[in-house]
Full PDB file with SEQRES, HELIX, SHEET, SSBOND, CRYST1, ORIGX, SCALE, CONECT and MASTER records, all heavy atoms in Angstrom:
SEQRES   1 A   37  THR VAL GLY ALA ALA TYR VAL LEU ALA LEU THR GLY GLU          
SEQRES   2 A   37  ILE SER LEU ASP GLY ASP GLU THR ARG ILE VAL LEU GLU          
SEQRES   3 A   37  GLU GLY VAL GLY PRO VAL PRO VAL LEU ILE ARG                  
HELIX    1 AA1 VAL A    2  LEU A   10  1                                   9    
SHEET    1 AA1 2 THR A  21  GLU A  27  0                                        
SHEET    2 AA1 2 GLY A  30  ILE A  36 -1                                        
CRYST1    1.000    1.000    1.000  90.00  90.00  90.00 P 1           1          
ORIGX1      1.000000  0.000000  0.000000        0.00000                         
ORIGX2      0.000000  1.000000  0.000000        0.00000                         
ORIGX3      0.000000  0.000000  1.000000        0.00000                         
SCALE1      1.000000  0.000000  0.000000        0.00000                         
SCALE2      0.000000  1.000000  0.000000        0.00000                         
SCALE3      0.000000  0.000000  1.000000        0.00000                         
ATOM      1  N   THR A   1      54.784 -32.863  25.303  1.00  0.00           N  
ATOM      2  CA  THR A   1      53.670 -33.510  24.609  1.00  0.00           C  
ATOM      3  C   THR A   1      54.102 -34.841  24.006  1.00  0.00           C  
ATOM      4  O   THR A   1      53.498 -35.889  24.266  1.00  0.00           O  
ATOM      5  CB  THR A   1      53.108 -32.590  23.515  1.00  0.00           C  
ATOM      6  OG1 THR A   1      52.623 -31.380  24.107  1.00  0.00           O  
ATOM      7  CG2 THR A   1      51.987 -33.273  22.750  1.00  0.00           C  
ATOM      8  N   VAL A   2      55.164 -34.822  23.195  1.00  0.00           N  
ATOM      9  CA  VAL A   2      55.596 -36.074  22.559  1.00  0.00           C  
ATOM     10  C   VAL A   2      56.175 -37.026  23.598  1.00  0.00           C  
ATOM     11  O   VAL A   2      56.027 -38.249  23.499  1.00  0.00           O  
ATOM     12  CB  VAL A   2      56.602 -35.811  21.419  1.00  0.00           C  
ATOM     13  CG1 VAL A   2      55.947 -35.003  20.317  1.00  0.00           C  
ATOM     14  CG2 VAL A   2      57.867 -35.128  21.906  1.00  0.00           C  
ATOM     15  N   GLY A   3      56.823 -36.476  24.639  1.00  0.00           N  
ATOM     16  CA  GLY A   3      57.372 -37.334  25.688  1.00  0.00           C  
ATOM     17  C   GLY A   3      56.290 -38.027  26.496  1.00  0.00           C  
ATOM     18  O   GLY A   3      56.387 -39.210  26.815  1.00  0.00           O  
ATOM     19  N   ALA A   4      55.211 -37.282  26.823  1.00  0.00           N  
ATOM     20  CA  ALA A   4      54.107 -37.879  27.569  1.00  0.00           C  
ATOM     21  C   ALA A   4      53.451 -38.992  26.755  1.00  0.00           C  
ATOM     22  O   ALA A   4      53.121 -40.060  27.286  1.00  0.00           O  
ATOM     23  CB  ALA A   4      53.083 -36.813  27.936  1.00  0.00           C  
ATOM     24  N   ALA A   5      53.252 -38.752  25.461  1.00  0.00           N  
ATOM     25  CA  ALA A   5      52.652 -39.773  24.598  1.00  0.00           C  
ATOM     26  C   ALA A   5      53.536 -41.019  24.531  1.00  0.00           C  
ATOM     27  O   ALA A   5      53.042 -42.151  24.598  1.00  0.00           O  
ATOM     28  CB  ALA A   5      52.425 -39.201  23.202  1.00  0.00           C  
ATOM     29  N   TYR A   6      54.842 -40.802  24.434  1.00  0.00           N  
ATOM     30  CA  TYR A   6      55.782 -41.919  24.376  1.00  0.00           C  
ATOM     31  C   TYR A   6      55.724 -42.753  25.652  1.00  0.00           C  
ATOM     32  O   TYR A   6      55.656 -43.984  25.617  1.00  0.00           O  
ATOM     33  CB  TYR A   6      57.197 -41.378  24.156  1.00  0.00           C  
ATOM     34  CG  TYR A   6      58.277 -42.427  24.187  1.00  0.00           C  
ATOM     35  CD1 TYR A   6      58.541 -43.217  23.074  1.00  0.00           C  
ATOM     36  CD2 TYR A   6      59.044 -42.642  25.335  1.00  0.00           C  
ATOM     37  CE1 TYR A   6      59.538 -44.183  23.098  1.00  0.00           C  
ATOM     38  CE2 TYR A   6      60.033 -43.597  25.372  1.00  0.00           C  
ATOM     39  CZ  TYR A   6      60.275 -44.361  24.247  1.00  0.00           C  
ATOM     40  OH  TYR A   6      61.259 -45.318  24.287  1.00  0.00           O  
ATOM     41  N   VAL A   7      55.716 -42.087  26.811  1.00  0.00           N  
ATOM     42  CA  VAL A   7      55.700 -42.808  28.088  1.00  0.00           C  
ATOM     43  C   VAL A   7      54.379 -43.549  28.278  1.00  0.00           C  
ATOM     44  O   VAL A   7      54.360 -44.697  28.746  1.00  0.00           O  
ATOM     45  CB  VAL A   7      55.968 -41.841  29.255  1.00  0.00           C  
ATOM     46  CG1 VAL A   7      55.706 -42.521  30.590  1.00  0.00           C  
ATOM     47  CG2 VAL A   7      57.404 -41.341  29.208  1.00  0.00           C  
ATOM     48  N   LEU A   8      53.263 -42.917  27.918  1.00  0.00           N  
ATOM     49  CA  LEU A   8      51.966 -43.587  28.036  1.00  0.00           C  
ATOM     50  C   LEU A   8      51.941 -44.870  27.205  1.00  0.00           C  
ATOM     51  O   LEU A   8      51.420 -45.898  27.643  1.00  0.00           O  
ATOM     52  CB  LEU A   8      50.845 -42.652  27.581  1.00  0.00           C  
ATOM     53  CG  LEU A   8      50.488 -41.502  28.521  1.00  0.00           C  
ATOM     54  CD1 LEU A   8      49.548 -40.527  27.829  1.00  0.00           C  
ATOM     55  CD2 LEU A   8      49.864 -42.018  29.814  1.00  0.00           C  
ATOM     56  N   ALA A   9      52.525 -44.804  26.010  1.00  0.00           N  
ATOM     57  CA  ALA A   9      52.552 -45.984  25.144  1.00  0.00           C  
ATOM     58  C   ALA A   9      53.548 -47.022  25.658  1.00  0.00           C  
ATOM     59  O   ALA A   9      53.262 -48.228  25.665  1.00  0.00           O  
ATOM     60  CB  ALA A   9      52.903 -45.578  23.718  1.00  0.00           C  
ATOM     61  N   LEU A  10      54.708 -46.564  26.116  1.00  0.00           N  
ATOM     62  CA  LEU A  10      55.754 -47.492  26.549  1.00  0.00           C  
ATOM     63  C   LEU A  10      55.339 -48.267  27.794  1.00  0.00           C  
ATOM     64  O   LEU A  10      55.660 -49.452  27.950  1.00  0.00           O  
ATOM     65  CB  LEU A  10      57.047 -46.721  26.819  1.00  0.00           C  
ATOM     66  CG  LEU A  10      58.298 -47.552  27.093  1.00  0.00           C  
ATOM     67  CD1 LEU A  10      58.739 -48.281  25.822  1.00  0.00           C  
ATOM     68  CD2 LEU A  10      59.426 -46.674  27.613  1.00  0.00           C  
ATOM     69  N   THR A  11      54.608 -47.609  28.694  1.00  0.00           N  
ATOM     70  CA  THR A  11      54.223 -48.244  29.955  1.00  0.00           C  
ATOM     71  C   THR A  11      52.898 -48.991  29.863  1.00  0.00           C  
ATOM     72  O   THR A  11      52.434 -49.548  30.863  1.00  0.00           O  
ATOM     73  CB  THR A  11      54.127 -47.200  31.075  1.00  0.00           C  
ATOM     74  OG1 THR A  11      53.174 -46.203  30.700  1.00  0.00           O  
ATOM     75  CG2 THR A  11      55.477 -46.541  31.324  1.00  0.00           C  
ATOM     76  N   GLY A  12      52.268 -48.983  28.689  1.00  0.00           N  
ATOM     77  CA  GLY A  12      51.024 -49.714  28.516  1.00  0.00           C  
ATOM     78  C   GLY A  12      49.792 -48.982  28.999  1.00  0.00           C  
ATOM     79  O   GLY A  12      48.708 -49.569  29.071  1.00  0.00           O  
ATOM     80  N   GLU A  13      49.924 -47.690  29.348  1.00  0.00           N  
ATOM     81  CA  GLU A  13      48.769 -46.912  29.783  1.00  0.00           C  
ATOM     82  C   GLU A  13      47.776 -46.707  28.641  1.00  0.00           C  
ATOM     83  O   GLU A  13      46.590 -46.494  28.876  1.00  0.00           O  
ATOM     84  CB  GLU A  13      49.224 -45.564  30.334  1.00  0.00           C  
ATOM     85  CG  GLU A  13      49.878 -45.640  31.700  1.00  0.00           C  
ATOM     86  CD  GLU A  13      48.882 -46.032  32.785  1.00  0.00           C  
ATOM     87  OE1 GLU A  13      47.779 -45.450  32.812  1.00  0.00           O  
ATOM     88  OE2 GLU A  13      49.197 -46.930  33.577  1.00  0.00           O  
ATOM     89  N   ILE A  14      48.282 -46.689  27.426  1.00  0.00           N  
ATOM     90  CA  ILE A  14      47.409 -46.681  26.256  1.00  0.00           C  
ATOM     91  C   ILE A  14      47.837 -47.829  25.355  1.00  0.00           C  
ATOM     92  O   ILE A  14      49.012 -48.198  25.310  1.00  0.00           O  
ATOM     93  CB  ILE A  14      47.473 -45.343  25.480  1.00  0.00           C  
ATOM     94  CG1 ILE A  14      48.910 -45.030  25.038  1.00  0.00           C  
ATOM     95  CG2 ILE A  14      46.936 -44.213  26.321  1.00  0.00           C  
ATOM     96  CD1 ILE A  14      49.000 -43.791  24.176  1.00  0.00           C  
ATOM     97  N   SER A  15      46.894 -48.426  24.676  1.00  0.00           N  
ATOM     98  CA  SER A  15      47.204 -49.563  23.807  1.00  0.00           C  
ATOM     99  C   SER A  15      47.616 -49.065  22.432  1.00  0.00           C  
ATOM    100  O   SER A  15      47.074 -48.073  21.925  1.00  0.00           O  
ATOM    101  CB  SER A  15      45.998 -50.500  23.702  1.00  0.00           C  
ATOM    102  OG  SER A  15      44.886 -49.788  23.187  1.00  0.00           O  
ATOM    103  N   LEU A  16      48.572 -49.748  21.841  1.00  0.00           N  
ATOM    104  CA  LEU A  16      49.048 -49.391  20.510  1.00  0.00           C  
ATOM    105  C   LEU A  16      48.226 -50.120  19.458  1.00  0.00           C  
ATOM    106  O   LEU A  16      47.962 -51.318  19.575  1.00  0.00           O  
ATOM    107  CB  LEU A  16      50.531 -49.746  20.374  1.00  0.00           C  
ATOM    108  CG  LEU A  16      51.471 -48.941  21.281  1.00  0.00           C  
ATOM    109  CD1 LEU A  16      52.887 -49.475  21.200  1.00  0.00           C  
ATOM    110  CD2 LEU A  16      51.442 -47.460  20.908  1.00  0.00           C  
ATOM    111  N   ASP A  17      47.827 -49.382  18.439  1.00  0.00           N  
ATOM    112  CA  ASP A  17      46.973 -49.915  17.388  1.00  0.00           C  
ATOM    113  C   ASP A  17      47.817 -50.147  16.135  1.00  0.00           C  
ATOM    114  O   ASP A  17      47.851 -49.317  15.224  1.00  0.00           O  
ATOM    115  CB  ASP A  17      45.825 -48.937  17.109  1.00  0.00           C  
ATOM    116  CG  ASP A  17      44.850 -49.471  16.079  1.00  0.00           C  
ATOM    117  OD1 ASP A  17      44.859 -50.680  15.835  1.00  0.00           O  
ATOM    118  OD2 ASP A  17      44.094 -48.653  15.518  1.00  0.00           O  
ATOM    119  N   GLY A  18      48.555 -51.250  16.102  1.00  0.00           N  
ATOM    120  CA  GLY A  18      49.398 -51.553  14.954  1.00  0.00           C  
ATOM    121  C   GLY A  18      50.614 -50.654  14.894  1.00  0.00           C  
ATOM    122  O   GLY A  18      51.160 -50.242  15.921  1.00  0.00           O  
ATOM    123  N   ASP A  19      51.035 -50.322  13.675  1.00  0.00           N  
ATOM    124  CA  ASP A  19      52.249 -49.523  13.490  1.00  0.00           C  
ATOM    125  C   ASP A  19      52.040 -48.053  13.815  1.00  0.00           C  
ATOM    126  O   ASP A  19      53.003 -47.334  14.098  1.00  0.00           O  
ATOM    127  CB  ASP A  19      52.751 -49.662  12.051  1.00  0.00           C  
ATOM    128  CG  ASP A  19      53.229 -51.070  11.734  1.00  0.00           C  
ATOM    129  OD1 ASP A  19      53.551 -51.814  12.684  1.00  0.00           O  
ATOM    130  OD2 ASP A  19      53.287 -51.432  10.536  1.00  0.00           O  
ATOM    131  N   GLU A  20      50.784 -47.579  13.734  1.00  0.00           N  
ATOM    132  CA  GLU A  20      50.507 -46.175  14.010  1.00  0.00           C  
ATOM    133  C   GLU A  20      49.286 -46.052  14.910  1.00  0.00           C  
ATOM    134  O   GLU A  20      48.246 -46.655  14.643  1.00  0.00           O  
ATOM    135  CB  GLU A  20      50.279 -45.385  12.717  1.00  0.00           C  
ATOM    136  CG  GLU A  20      51.532 -45.244  11.860  1.00  0.00           C  
ATOM    137  CD  GLU A  20      51.357 -44.237  10.734  1.00  0.00           C  
ATOM    138  OE1 GLU A  20      50.190 -43.814  10.489  1.00  0.00           O  
ATOM    139  OE2 GLU A  20      52.362 -43.863  10.101  1.00  0.00           O  
ATOM    140  N   THR A  21      49.433 -45.276  15.978  1.00  0.00           N  
ATOM    141  CA  THR A  21      48.346 -45.033  16.919  1.00  0.00           C  
ATOM    142  C   THR A  21      48.158 -43.528  17.050  1.00  0.00           C  
ATOM    143  O   THR A  21      49.139 -42.784  17.180  1.00  0.00           O  
ATOM    144  CB  THR A  21      48.674 -45.632  18.305  1.00  0.00           C  
ATOM    145  OG1 THR A  21      48.932 -47.028  18.155  1.00  0.00           O  
ATOM    146  CG2 THR A  21      47.535 -45.415  19.279  1.00  0.00           C  
ATOM    147  N   ARG A  22      46.919 -43.083  17.013  1.00  0.00           N  
ATOM    148  CA  ARG A  22      46.634 -41.651  17.125  1.00  0.00           C  
ATOM    149  C   ARG A  22      45.865 -41.377  18.410  1.00  0.00           C  
ATOM    150  O   ARG A  22      44.871 -42.043  18.699  1.00  0.00           O  
ATOM    151  CB  ARG A  22      45.848 -41.165  15.904  1.00  0.00           C  
ATOM    152  CG  ARG A  22      46.637 -41.311  14.605  1.00  0.00           C  
ATOM    153  CD  ARG A  22      45.880 -40.793  13.398  1.00  0.00           C  
ATOM    154  NE  ARG A  22      46.640 -41.030  12.182  1.00  0.00           N  
ATOM    155  CZ  ARG A  22      47.575 -40.219  11.700  1.00  0.00           C  
ATOM    156  NH1 ARG A  22      47.846 -39.088  12.346  1.00  0.00           N  
ATOM    157  NH2 ARG A  22      48.219 -40.511  10.595  1.00  0.00           N  
ATOM    158  N   ILE A  23      46.359 -40.406  19.178  1.00  0.00           N  
ATOM    159  CA  ILE A  23      45.710 -40.014  20.426  1.00  0.00           C  
ATOM    160  C   ILE A  23      45.526 -38.497  20.423  1.00  0.00           C  
ATOM    161  O   ILE A  23      46.035 -37.793  19.541  1.00  0.00           O  
ATOM    162  CB  ILE A  23      46.524 -40.447  21.659  1.00  0.00           C  
ATOM    163  CG1 ILE A  23      47.861 -39.684  21.726  1.00  0.00           C  
ATOM    164  CG2 ILE A  23      46.767 -41.958  21.654  1.00  0.00           C  
ATOM    165  CD1 ILE A  23      48.631 -39.905  23.021  1.00  0.00           C  
ATOM    166  N   VAL A  24      44.799 -37.990  21.418  1.00  0.00           N  
ATOM    167  CA  VAL A  24      44.612 -36.550  21.567  1.00  0.00           C  
ATOM    168  C   VAL A  24      44.884 -36.183  23.022  1.00  0.00           C  
ATOM    169  O   VAL A  24      44.289 -36.773  23.935  1.00  0.00           O  
ATOM    170  CB  VAL A  24      43.186 -36.113  21.165  1.00  0.00           C  
ATOM    171  CG1 VAL A  24      43.008 -34.620  21.426  1.00  0.00           C  
ATOM    172  CG2 VAL A  24      42.918 -36.433  19.697  1.00  0.00           C  
ATOM    173  N   LEU A  25      45.767 -35.219  23.234  1.00  0.00           N  
ATOM    174  CA  LEU A  25      46.069 -34.715  24.570  1.00  0.00           C  
ATOM    175  C   LEU A  25      45.460 -33.326  24.716  1.00  0.00           C  
ATOM    176  O   LEU A  25      45.648 -32.470  23.854  1.00  0.00           O  
ATOM    177  CB  LEU A  25      47.577 -34.666  24.807  1.00  0.00           C  
ATOM    178  CG  LEU A  25      48.319 -36.002  24.725  1.00  0.00           C  
ATOM    179  CD1 LEU A  25      49.816 -35.797  24.946  1.00  0.00           C  
ATOM    180  CD2 LEU A  25      47.777 -36.991  25.741  1.00  0.00           C  
ATOM    181  N   GLU A  26      44.731 -33.102  25.810  1.00  0.00           N  
ATOM    182  CA  GLU A  26      44.151 -31.784  26.071  1.00  0.00           C  
ATOM    183  C   GLU A  26      45.181 -30.902  26.774  1.00  0.00           C  
ATOM    184  O   GLU A  26      45.711 -31.271  27.826  1.00  0.00           O  
ATOM    185  CB  GLU A  26      42.912 -31.920  26.950  1.00  0.00           C  
ATOM    186  CG  GLU A  26      41.772 -32.681  26.292  1.00  0.00           C  
ATOM    187  CD  GLU A  26      40.558 -32.776  27.199  1.00  0.00           C  
ATOM    188  OE1 GLU A  26      40.654 -32.338  28.366  1.00  0.00           O  
ATOM    189  OE2 GLU A  26      39.520 -33.299  26.748  1.00  0.00           O  
ATOM    190  N   GLU A  27      45.471 -29.731  26.180  1.00  0.00           N  
ATOM    191  CA  GLU A  27      46.417 -28.791  26.762  1.00  0.00           C  
ATOM    192  C   GLU A  27      45.772 -27.414  26.835  1.00  0.00           C  
ATOM    193  O   GLU A  27      44.650 -27.217  26.347  1.00  0.00           O  
ATOM    194  CB  GLU A  27      47.714 -28.771  25.942  1.00  0.00           C  
ATOM    195  CG  GLU A  27      48.367 -30.152  25.857  1.00  0.00           C  
ATOM    196  CD  GLU A  27      49.728 -30.154  25.179  1.00  0.00           C  
ATOM    197  OE1 GLU A  27      50.341 -29.068  25.066  1.00  0.00           O  
ATOM    198  OE2 GLU A  27      50.176 -31.238  24.765  1.00  0.00           O  
ATOM    199  N   GLY A  28      46.472 -26.469  27.423  1.00  0.00           N  
ATOM    200  CA  GLY A  28      45.916 -25.133  27.573  1.00  0.00           C  
ATOM    201  C   GLY A  28      45.565 -24.491  26.240  1.00  0.00           C  
ATOM    202  O   GLY A  28      44.633 -23.690  26.148  1.00  0.00           O  
ATOM    203  N   VAL A  29      46.306 -24.852  25.192  1.00  0.00           N  
ATOM    204  CA  VAL A  29      46.074 -24.282  23.872  1.00  0.00           C  
ATOM    205  C   VAL A  29      44.902 -24.946  23.163  1.00  0.00           C  
ATOM    206  O   VAL A  29      44.402 -24.448  22.160  1.00  0.00           O  
ATOM    207  CB  VAL A  29      47.360 -24.389  23.025  1.00  0.00           C  
ATOM    208  CG1 VAL A  29      47.608 -25.828  22.594  1.00  0.00           C  
ATOM    209  CG2 VAL A  29      47.330 -23.445  21.841  1.00  0.00           C  
ATOM    210  N   GLY A  30      44.467 -26.103  23.687  1.00  0.00           N  
ATOM    211  CA  GLY A  30      43.388 -26.854  23.053  1.00  0.00           C  
ATOM    212  C   GLY A  30      43.801 -28.297  22.835  1.00  0.00           C  
ATOM    213  O   GLY A  30      44.872 -28.735  23.269  1.00  0.00           O  
ATOM    214  N   PRO A  31      42.966 -29.094  22.150  1.00  0.00           N  
ATOM    215  CA  PRO A  31      43.307 -30.488  21.880  1.00  0.00           C  
ATOM    216  C   PRO A  31      44.509 -30.594  20.927  1.00  0.00           C  
ATOM    217  O   PRO A  31      44.546 -29.925  19.900  1.00  0.00           O  
ATOM    218  CB  PRO A  31      42.036 -31.049  21.223  1.00  0.00           C  
ATOM    219  CG  PRO A  31      40.954 -30.086  21.579  1.00  0.00           C  
ATOM    220  CD  PRO A  31      41.602 -28.745  21.697  1.00  0.00           C  
ATOM    221  N   VAL A  32      45.477 -31.436  21.295  1.00  0.00           N  
ATOM    222  CA  VAL A  32      46.688 -31.616  20.488  1.00  0.00           C  
ATOM    223  C   VAL A  32      46.733 -33.065  19.997  1.00  0.00           C  
ATOM    224  O   VAL A  32      46.956 -33.986  20.789  1.00  0.00           O  
ATOM    225  CB  VAL A  32      47.956 -31.285  21.298  1.00  0.00           C  
ATOM    226  CG1 VAL A  32      49.203 -31.503  20.432  1.00  0.00           C  
ATOM    227  CG2 VAL A  32      47.902 -29.847  21.811  1.00  0.00           C  
ATOM    228  N   PRO A  33      46.529 -33.309  18.699  1.00  0.00           N  
ATOM    229  CA  PRO A  33      46.652 -34.664  18.171  1.00  0.00           C  
ATOM    230  C   PRO A  33      48.105 -35.125  18.178  1.00  0.00           C  
ATOM    231  O   PRO A  33      49.019 -34.351  17.892  1.00  0.00           O  
ATOM    232  CB  PRO A  33      46.128 -34.539  16.733  1.00  0.00           C  
ATOM    233  CG  PRO A  33      45.390 -33.229  16.691  1.00  0.00           C  
ATOM    234  CD  PRO A  33      46.073 -32.352  17.688  1.00  0.00           C  
ATOM    235  N   VAL A  34      48.315 -36.398  18.523  1.00  0.00           N  
ATOM    236  CA  VAL A  34      49.666 -36.972  18.537  1.00  0.00           C  
ATOM    237  C   VAL A  34      49.639 -38.322  17.827  1.00  0.00           C  
ATOM    238  O   VAL A  34      48.775 -39.158  18.094  1.00  0.00           O  
ATOM    239  CB  VAL A  34      50.186 -37.153  19.976  1.00  0.00           C  
ATOM    240  CG1 VAL A  34      51.626 -37.691  19.950  1.00  0.00           C  
ATOM    241  CG2 VAL A  34      50.146 -35.835  20.751  1.00  0.00           C  
ATOM    242  N   LEU A  35      50.593 -38.496  16.934  1.00  0.00           N  
ATOM    243  CA  LEU A  35      50.781 -39.769  16.241  1.00  0.00           C  
ATOM    244  C   LEU A  35      51.916 -40.532  16.917  1.00  0.00           C  
ATOM    245  O   LEU A  35      52.990 -39.966  17.161  1.00  0.00           O  
ATOM    246  CB  LEU A  35      51.132 -39.518  14.772  1.00  0.00           C  
ATOM    247  CG  LEU A  35      51.652 -40.709  13.965  1.00  0.00           C  
ATOM    248  CD1 LEU A  35      50.564 -41.752  13.767  1.00  0.00           C  
ATOM    249  CD2 LEU A  35      52.207 -40.245  12.620  1.00  0.00           C  
ATOM    250  N   ILE A  36      51.693 -41.806  17.230  1.00  0.00           N  
ATOM    251  CA  ILE A  36      52.718 -42.663  17.829  1.00  0.00           C  
ATOM    252  C   ILE A  36      53.034 -43.782  16.840  1.00  0.00           C  
ATOM    253  O   ILE A  36      52.141 -44.541  16.451  1.00  0.00           O  
ATOM    254  CB  ILE A  36      52.249 -43.277  19.153  1.00  0.00           C  
ATOM    255  CG1 ILE A  36      51.810 -42.187  20.128  1.00  0.00           C  
ATOM    256  CG2 ILE A  36      53.347 -44.138  19.779  1.00  0.00           C  
ATOM    257  CD1 ILE A  36      51.095 -42.717  21.361  1.00  0.00           C  
ATOM    258  N   ARG A  37      54.275 -43.871  16.429  1.00  0.00           N  
ATOM    259  CA  ARG A  37      54.698 -44.958  15.556  1.00  0.00           C  
ATOM    260  C   ARG A  37      55.406 -46.011  16.404  1.00  0.00           C  
ATOM    261  O   ARG A  37      56.217 -45.675  17.273  1.00  0.00           O  
ATOM    262  CB  ARG A  37      55.631 -44.453  14.453  1.00  0.00           C  
ATOM    263  CG  ARG A  37      54.919 -43.576  13.436  1.00  0.00           C  
ATOM    264  CD  ARG A  37      55.839 -43.103  12.336  1.00  0.00           C  
ATOM    265  NE  ARG A  37      55.107 -42.248  11.400  1.00  0.00           N  
ATOM    266  CZ  ARG A  37      55.647 -41.223  10.745  1.00  0.00           C  
ATOM    267  NH1 ARG A  37      56.927 -40.935  10.916  1.00  0.00           N  
ATOM    268  NH2 ARG A  37      54.912 -40.498   9.926  1.00  0.00           N  
TER     269      ARG A  37                                                      
MASTER        0    0    0    1    2    0    0    6  268    1    0    3          
END                                                                             
């Protein structure tokens, strides 16, 4: 989960919103919020 969020941010697949960006990843357990600094 944290690795996928890191790669998405590092490769520009998602845009970073300042110092902190919040995204949500859908997993089998349900929506998982992730904070990217």
